[in-house]
Amino acid sequence: MRSVVGALPAELPAAIVVVLHIPADAPSALAAILDRAGPLRAVTARHGDVLEAGTIFAAPADHHVLVADGHLHLSRGPRENGHRPALDPLFRSAAADFGPAAIGVVLSGNRDDGTAGIAALARAGAPVLVQDPEEALYVGMPSSVIRHVPGVRALPATKLGAMIGELLSELVPAHEAAHDPLTEAEARIADISVEPADTTPDLDEAEPSGLSCPDCDGVLFRLPGEPAPRFRCRVGHAWSPTSLSAQQDEAIEGVLWSALRALAEKAELQRRLAESAAGVGRQGAADTHLRRAARAKSDAEALRRLLAGGAIEDEDEDVSPIG
């Protein structure tokens, strides 16, 4: 990211909004880092900030950053792919508000946040760029965009800044943005201040997936007309198959650890009951408790082996799409 910012022209005739996936409770030094990286001023985005040309706005922790009417809007709306801030809400809002006068850029990162938003920008006629996966530290995000969005340009990070400067001289006015009902509806979802009835997209044409949302346990619907499979629940949480699979893995591991704890406690309880029974001369009962303790211990050991032997998969590995 510093390479991109360092190559931007000093008289950039546009504002830049940057999203980095950070923990909700972590203070972000991103603005300070980017402020030192190049000729442009970098600040942490605040609600209501004017999109001032020549300024870089860094997303704060635990807030989506949206653009509307030339201003920034911070929102604690539904997470997308488990992230807040996330790229997809920013890109969709830019597509809805600026259309072909915006530019979308995806850099190194795991999984596939940004793909759906870049697709919305491309549909609106905006130029879209990614860091060349060959040089990216994490190839998941740029590779996903290349797979699913036609016409995207992949460049080394050191050349992206100059390309952004060149493209800005070619952009059409924002008022020529095409009307895209799905993009506009999804852009509003990230704004938690909007009435719920106005945010949830029409799911009548969406197919119930038979899967549950990891964030709220609601039914997930597969959204139609998307270049890559995507799911939303009724309250707005959004998931790609890759991110949904990762969340399922975390949930399964949590359940397995809970089961391991329960088995260990069962073995300990049965051992104590065996000691109590033996102490009053009830050897038959003591033997029964010891057998139960041994069975629980054996099951716990099998579960521990399962947890310890789980395959560690590459998060950026290509997987088969949902048909």
Protein backbone atom coordinates (compact mmCIF):
# COMPACT_ATOMS: atom_id res chain seq x y z
CA MET A 1 0.00 0.00 0.00
CA ARG A 2 2.88 2.38 0.76
CA SER A 3 4.28 1.69 -2.71
CA VAL A 4 0.99 2.74 -4.29
CA VAL A 5 0.64 5.88 -2.18
CA GLY A 6 4.26 6.82 -2.76
CA ALA A 7 3.73 6.83 -6.54
CA LEU A 8 0.62 9.02 -6.53
CA PRO A 9 0.99 12.50 -8.06
CA ALA A 10 1.21 15.37 -5.58
CA GLU A 11 -1.64 17.25 -7.32
CA LEU A 12 -4.07 14.31 -7.38
CA PRO A 13 -7.48 15.68 -8.46
CA ALA A 14 -9.43 13.18 -6.38
CA ALA A 15 -9.83 11.79 -2.87
CA ILE A 16 -8.73 8.27 -1.96
CA VAL A 17 -10.49 6.05 0.58
CA VAL A 18 -8.48 3.13 1.97
CA VAL A 19 -9.84 0.06 3.77
CA LEU A 20 -7.63 -2.34 5.71
CA HIS A 21 -9.03 -5.33 7.60
CA ILE A 22 -8.24 -4.64 11.26
CA PRO A 23 -9.68 -6.00 14.54
CA ALA A 24 -12.63 -4.09 15.93
CA ASP A 25 -10.82 -3.13 19.14
CA ALA A 26 -7.45 -2.28 17.57
CA PRO A 27 -6.30 1.32 17.14
CA SER A 28 -5.20 1.90 13.57
CA ALA A 29 -1.96 3.66 12.63
CA LEU A 30 -2.76 3.36 8.92
CA ALA A 31 -3.35 7.08 8.37
CA ALA A 32 -0.04 8.00 10.02
CA ILE A 33 1.82 5.40 7.96
CA LEU A 34 0.29 6.55 4.68
CA ASP A 35 0.83 10.21 5.56
CA ARG A 36 4.58 9.51 5.60
CA ALA A 37 4.52 7.28 2.52
CA GLY A 38 3.95 9.88 -0.19
CA PRO A 39 3.07 13.45 -1.10
CA LEU A 40 -0.61 13.31 -0.12
CA ARG A 41 -2.13 14.11 3.27
CA ALA A 42 -3.61 11.05 5.00
CA VAL A 43 -6.16 11.16 7.82
CA THR A 44 -8.48 8.75 9.60
CA ALA A 45 -11.94 9.03 8.08
CA ARG A 46 -14.63 10.77 10.14
CA HIS A 47 -18.36 10.79 9.65
CA GLY A 48 -19.35 13.69 7.40
CA ASP A 49 -15.89 14.42 6.02
CA VAL A 50 -15.91 16.08 2.61
CA LEU A 51 -14.16 14.04 -0.07
CA GLU A 52 -11.37 16.54 -0.52
CA ALA A 53 -9.08 16.10 -3.52
CA GLY A 54 -5.51 15.22 -2.66
CA THR A 55 -6.47 13.60 0.65
CA ILE A 56 -6.30 9.94 1.67
CA PHE A 57 -9.00 8.80 4.10
CA ALA A 58 -8.23 5.63 6.09
CA ALA A 59 -11.15 3.58 7.42
CA PRO A 60 -11.33 3.44 11.24
CA ALA A 61 -11.76 0.18 13.12
CA ASP A 62 -15.20 -1.45 13.29
CA HIS A 63 -16.85 0.91 10.78
CA HIS A 64 -17.71 0.59 7.13
CA VAL A 65 -16.77 3.68 5.13
CA LEU A 66 -19.34 4.72 2.53
CA VAL A 67 -19.45 7.63 0.10
CA ALA A 68 -22.55 9.65 -0.71
CA ASP A 69 -23.07 13.13 -2.16
CA GLY A 70 -19.37 13.93 -1.94
CA HIS A 71 -19.12 13.06 1.76
CA LEU A 72 -17.96 10.12 3.86
CA HIS A 73 -20.41 8.17 5.96
CA LEU A 74 -19.24 5.85 8.76
CA SER A 75 -21.53 2.96 9.61
CA ARG A 76 -21.60 -0.05 11.91
CA GLY A 77 -23.83 -1.91 9.48
CA PRO A 78 -23.75 -5.69 8.93
CA ARG A 79 -20.35 -7.29 8.48
CA GLU A 80 -19.46 -8.55 5.02
CA ASN A 81 -17.37 -11.70 4.74
CA GLY A 82 -16.81 -11.34 8.47
CA HIS A 83 -15.23 -7.89 8.10
CA ARG A 84 -16.08 -4.38 9.26
CA PRO A 85 -14.65 -2.31 7.65
CA ALA A 86 -14.91 -4.18 4.37
CA LEU A 87 -14.12 -3.24 0.80
CA ASP A 88 -17.37 -4.37 -0.79
CA PRO A 89 -19.63 -1.77 0.92
CA LEU A 90 -17.22 1.05 0.02
CA PHE A 91 -16.99 -0.02 -3.62
CA ARG A 92 -20.76 -0.44 -3.97
CA SER A 93 -21.43 3.00 -2.52
CA ALA A 94 -18.86 4.49 -4.91
CA ALA A 95 -20.48 2.69 -7.83
CA ALA A 96 -23.92 3.99 -6.83
CA ASP A 97 -22.75 7.56 -6.18
CA PHE A 98 -19.95 8.15 -8.69
CA GLY A 99 -20.42 5.42 -11.31
CA PRO A 100 -17.74 5.69 -14.01
CA ALA A 101 -16.09 8.60 -12.18
CA ALA A 102 -14.72 6.23 -9.53
CA ILE A 103 -11.70 3.92 -9.61
CA GLY A 104 -11.56 0.62 -7.71
CA VAL A 105 -8.26 -0.92 -6.60
CA VAL A 106 -7.68 -4.20 -4.74
CA LEU A 107 -4.29 -4.97 -3.23
CA SER A 108 -2.80 -7.99 -1.47
CA GLY A 109 -5.13 -9.80 0.92
CA ASN A 110 -6.59 -13.17 1.91
CA ARG A 111 -9.90 -14.59 0.69
CA ASP A 112 -12.10 -12.45 -1.55
CA ASP A 113 -13.41 -9.27 0.02
CA GLY A 114 -13.62 -6.66 -2.72
CA THR A 115 -14.66 -8.94 -5.58
CA ALA A 116 -18.38 -8.16 -5.42
CA GLY A 117 -17.72 -4.44 -4.98
CA ILE A 118 -15.25 -4.33 -7.87
CA ALA A 119 -17.86 -6.11 -10.01
CA ALA A 120 -20.38 -3.37 -9.12
CA LEU A 121 -17.87 -0.69 -10.12
CA ALA A 122 -17.14 -2.48 -13.39
CA ARG A 123 -20.88 -2.68 -14.18
CA ALA A 124 -21.06 1.07 -13.56
CA GLY A 125 -18.30 1.67 -16.11
CA ALA A 126 -15.55 2.50 -13.62
CA PRO A 127 -11.98 1.35 -14.27
CA VAL A 128 -10.84 -1.40 -11.91
CA LEU A 129 -7.30 -2.38 -10.97
CA VAL A 130 -5.63 -5.04 -8.86
CA GLN A 131 -2.13 -5.65 -7.62
CA ASP A 132 -0.44 -8.31 -9.73
CA PRO A 133 -0.91 -11.58 -7.78
CA GLU A 134 2.57 -12.65 -8.85
CA GLU A 135 4.04 -10.05 -6.48
CA ALA A 136 1.29 -9.90 -3.84
CA LEU A 137 2.14 -11.21 -0.38
CA TYR A 138 -1.38 -12.67 -0.15
CA VAL A 139 -2.89 -13.53 -3.52
CA GLY A 140 -6.48 -14.34 -2.53
CA MET A 141 -8.17 -10.97 -3.02
CA PRO A 142 -6.53 -9.87 -6.29
CA SER A 143 -6.77 -13.38 -7.76
CA SER A 144 -10.49 -13.57 -6.94
CA VAL A 145 -11.12 -10.27 -8.74
CA ILE A 146 -9.21 -11.45 -11.81
CA ARG A 147 -11.20 -14.71 -11.91
CA HIS A 148 -14.62 -13.11 -11.62
CA VAL A 149 -14.47 -9.59 -13.09
CA PRO A 150 -13.73 -9.18 -16.82
CA GLY A 151 -11.54 -6.30 -17.91
CA VAL A 152 -9.64 -5.81 -14.66
CA ARG A 153 -6.04 -4.65 -15.06
CA ALA A 154 -3.29 -6.23 -12.93
CA LEU A 155 -0.18 -4.15 -12.27
CA PRO A 156 2.75 -4.18 -9.84
CA ALA A 157 2.10 -2.06 -6.76
CA THR A 158 4.81 0.40 -7.79
CA LYS A 159 2.91 1.16 -11.03
CA LEU A 160 -0.61 1.40 -9.63
CA GLY A 161 -0.16 4.94 -8.30
CA ALA A 162 0.90 6.30 -11.68
CA MET A 163 -1.94 4.41 -13.40
CA ILE A 164 -4.47 5.95 -11.03
CA GLY A 165 -3.16 9.39 -11.95
CA GLU A 166 -3.48 8.62 -15.66
CA LEU A 167 -7.00 7.24 -15.34
CA LEU A 168 -8.25 10.29 -13.46
CA SER A 169 -7.71 12.40 -16.55
CA GLU A 170 -9.96 10.08 -18.56
CA LEU A 171 -12.92 9.65 -16.20
CA VAL A 172 -16.42 10.73 -17.19
CA PRO A 173 -18.55 12.95 -14.91
CA ALA A 174 -20.23 11.24 -11.98
CA HIS A 175 -23.75 12.20 -13.11
CA GLU A 176 -23.45 9.68 -15.96
CA ALA A 177 -23.59 6.75 -13.51
CA ALA A 178 -25.94 4.00 -14.65
CA HIS A 179 -28.87 2.95 -12.48
CA ASP A 180 -28.21 -0.45 -10.89
CA PRO A 181 -31.00 -1.37 -8.44
CA LEU A 182 -29.13 -4.25 -6.78
CA THR A 183 -25.95 -2.21 -6.28
CA GLU A 184 -27.92 0.71 -4.86
CA ALA A 185 -29.94 -1.54 -2.54
CA GLU A 186 -26.84 -3.30 -1.27
CA ALA A 187 -25.03 0.01 -0.82
CA ARG A 188 -27.82 1.07 1.56
CA ILE A 189 -27.58 -2.14 3.57
CA ALA A 190 -24.22 -1.09 5.02
CA ASP A 191 -25.82 2.09 6.37
CA ILE A 192 -27.29 1.01 9.70
CA SER A 193 -29.11 4.37 10.06
CA VAL A 194 -31.45 3.56 7.15
CA GLU A 195 -34.78 1.97 8.00
CA PRO A 196 -34.58 -1.85 7.75
CA ALA A 197 -37.48 -2.00 5.30
CA ASP A 198 -35.45 0.17 2.94
CA THR A 199 -32.21 -1.79 3.20
CA THR A 200 -32.87 -5.47 2.67
CA PRO A 201 -32.75 -6.26 -1.05
CA ASP A 202 -35.68 -8.03 -2.65
CA LEU A 203 -35.05 -11.69 -1.89
CA ASP A 204 -38.07 -12.96 -3.84
CA GLU A 205 -35.79 -13.98 -6.70
CA ALA A 206 -33.05 -15.23 -4.39
CA GLU A 207 -32.83 -18.94 -3.72
CA PRO A 208 -32.77 -20.13 -0.09
CA SER A 209 -29.44 -21.88 0.25
CA GLY A 210 -30.20 -24.21 3.14
CA LEU A 211 -27.22 -22.62 4.92
CA SER A 212 -27.20 -20.47 8.05
CA CYS A 213 -25.58 -17.10 8.58
CA PRO A 214 -22.62 -17.47 10.99
CA ASP A 215 -23.32 -14.02 12.48
CA CYS A 216 -27.04 -14.30 13.26
CA ASP A 217 -28.10 -17.90 12.41
CA GLY A 218 -30.63 -16.62 9.88
CA VAL A 219 -31.28 -18.27 6.52
CA LEU A 220 -28.80 -17.35 3.80
CA PHE A 221 -30.13 -16.58 0.32
CA ARG A 222 -28.00 -16.89 -2.79
CA LEU A 223 -28.09 -13.58 -4.66
CA PRO A 224 -28.90 -13.84 -8.37
CA GLY A 225 -26.99 -12.20 -11.19
CA GLU A 226 -23.59 -12.10 -9.50
CA PRO A 227 -20.29 -13.01 -11.24
CA ALA A 228 -19.26 -15.02 -8.17
CA PRO A 229 -21.65 -16.83 -5.79
CA ARG A 230 -22.72 -14.66 -2.84
CA PHE A 231 -25.13 -15.05 0.04
CA ARG A 232 -27.07 -12.62 2.25
CA CYS A 233 -29.34 -13.10 5.23
CA ARG A 234 -32.41 -10.96 5.82
CA VAL A 235 -30.64 -8.56 8.18
CA GLY A 236 -27.83 -7.95 5.69
CA HIS A 237 -24.78 -10.05 6.58
CA ALA A 238 -23.04 -11.03 3.34
CA TRP A 239 -20.79 -13.99 2.59
CA SER A 240 -18.82 -15.40 -0.28
CA PRO A 241 -18.39 -19.20 -0.34
CA THR A 242 -14.74 -18.85 0.70
CA SER A 243 -15.47 -16.63 3.69
CA LEU A 244 -18.50 -18.69 4.68
CA SER A 245 -16.40 -21.86 4.60
CA ALA A 246 -13.75 -20.23 6.80
CA GLN A 247 -16.38 -19.19 9.35
CA GLN A 248 -17.83 -22.71 9.35
CA ASP A 249 -14.36 -24.10 10.03
CA GLU A 250 -14.01 -21.78 13.03
CA ALA A 251 -17.45 -22.75 14.32
CA ILE A 252 -16.73 -26.47 13.94
CA GLU A 253 -13.43 -26.13 15.78
CA GLY A 254 -15.18 -24.30 18.60
CA VAL A 255 -17.76 -27.08 18.91
CA LEU A 256 -15.02 -29.73 18.94
CA TRP A 257 -13.12 -27.96 21.72
CA SER A 258 -16.35 -27.72 23.73
CA ALA A 259 -16.92 -31.45 23.22
CA LEU A 260 -13.34 -32.17 24.32
CA ARG A 261 -13.85 -30.14 27.48
CA ALA A 262 -17.14 -31.95 28.22
CA LEU A 263 -15.52 -35.37 27.79
CA ALA A 264 -12.61 -34.43 30.05
CA GLU A 265 -15.05 -33.27 32.73
CA LYS A 266 -17.09 -36.46 32.35
CA ALA A 267 -13.99 -38.61 32.81
CA GLU A 268 -13.04 -36.66 35.93
CA LEU A 269 -16.54 -36.91 37.41
CA GLN A 270 -16.73 -40.67 36.79
CA ARG A 271 -13.30 -41.12 38.40
CA ARG A 272 -14.44 -39.27 41.53
CA LEU A 273 -17.68 -41.27 41.66
CA ALA A 274 -15.63 -44.47 41.40
CA GLU A 275 -13.49 -43.38 44.37
CA SER A 276 -16.60 -42.58 46.42
CA ALA A 277 -18.25 -45.91 45.59
CA ALA A 278 -15.09 -47.87 46.40
CA GLY A 279 -14.78 -46.00 49.71
CA VAL A 280 -18.11 -47.40 50.93
CA GLY A 281 -17.52 -50.90 49.62
CA ARG A 282 -19.63 -50.66 46.44
CA GLN A 283 -17.01 -52.15 44.14
CA GLY A 284 -19.48 -53.03 41.36
CA ALA A 285 -20.60 -49.41 41.10
CA ALA A 286 -16.97 -48.27 41.26
CA ASP A 287 -16.07 -50.54 38.35
CA THR A 288 -18.97 -49.15 36.31
CA HIS A 289 -17.82 -45.57 36.93
CA LEU A 290 -14.25 -46.48 36.00
CA ARG A 291 -15.42 -48.00 32.70
CA ARG A 292 -17.36 -44.83 31.94
CA ALA A 293 -14.32 -42.73 32.80
CA ALA A 294 -12.12 -44.83 30.51
CA ARG A 295 -14.62 -44.55 27.67
CA ALA A 296 -14.83 -40.76 28.05
CA LYS A 297 -11.04 -40.52 28.19
CA SER A 298 -10.73 -42.64 25.04
CA ASP A 299 -13.29 -40.50 23.21
CA ALA A 300 -11.48 -37.35 24.34
CA GLU A 301 -8.16 -38.68 23.06
CA ALA A 302 -9.72 -39.46 19.67
CA LEU A 303 -11.19 -35.96 19.53
CA ARG A 304 -7.84 -34.42 20.49
CA ARG A 305 -6.16 -36.34 17.66
CA LEU A 306 -8.81 -35.01 15.27
CA LEU A 307 -8.14 -31.44 16.39
CA ALA A 308 -4.37 -31.85 16.25
CA GLY A 309 -4.36 -33.61 12.88
CA GLY A 310 -6.65 -31.28 10.94
CA ALA A 311 -5.18 -30.30 7.57
CA ILE A 312 -3.93 -26.74 7.35
CA GLU A 313 -5.20 -25.43 4.03
CA ASP A 314 -3.92 -22.51 2.03
CA GLU A 315 -6.48 -19.71 2.35
CA ASP A 316 -5.62 -18.54 -1.15
CA GLU A 317 -6.03 -21.97 -2.76
CA ASP A 318 -8.47 -22.00 -5.64
CA VAL A 319 -11.61 -24.00 -4.92
CA SER A 320 -14.50 -25.18 -7.04
CA PRO A 321 -17.31 -22.59 -7.25
CA ILE A 322 -20.85 -23.36 -6.21
CA GLY A 323 -22.77 -24.20 -9.35
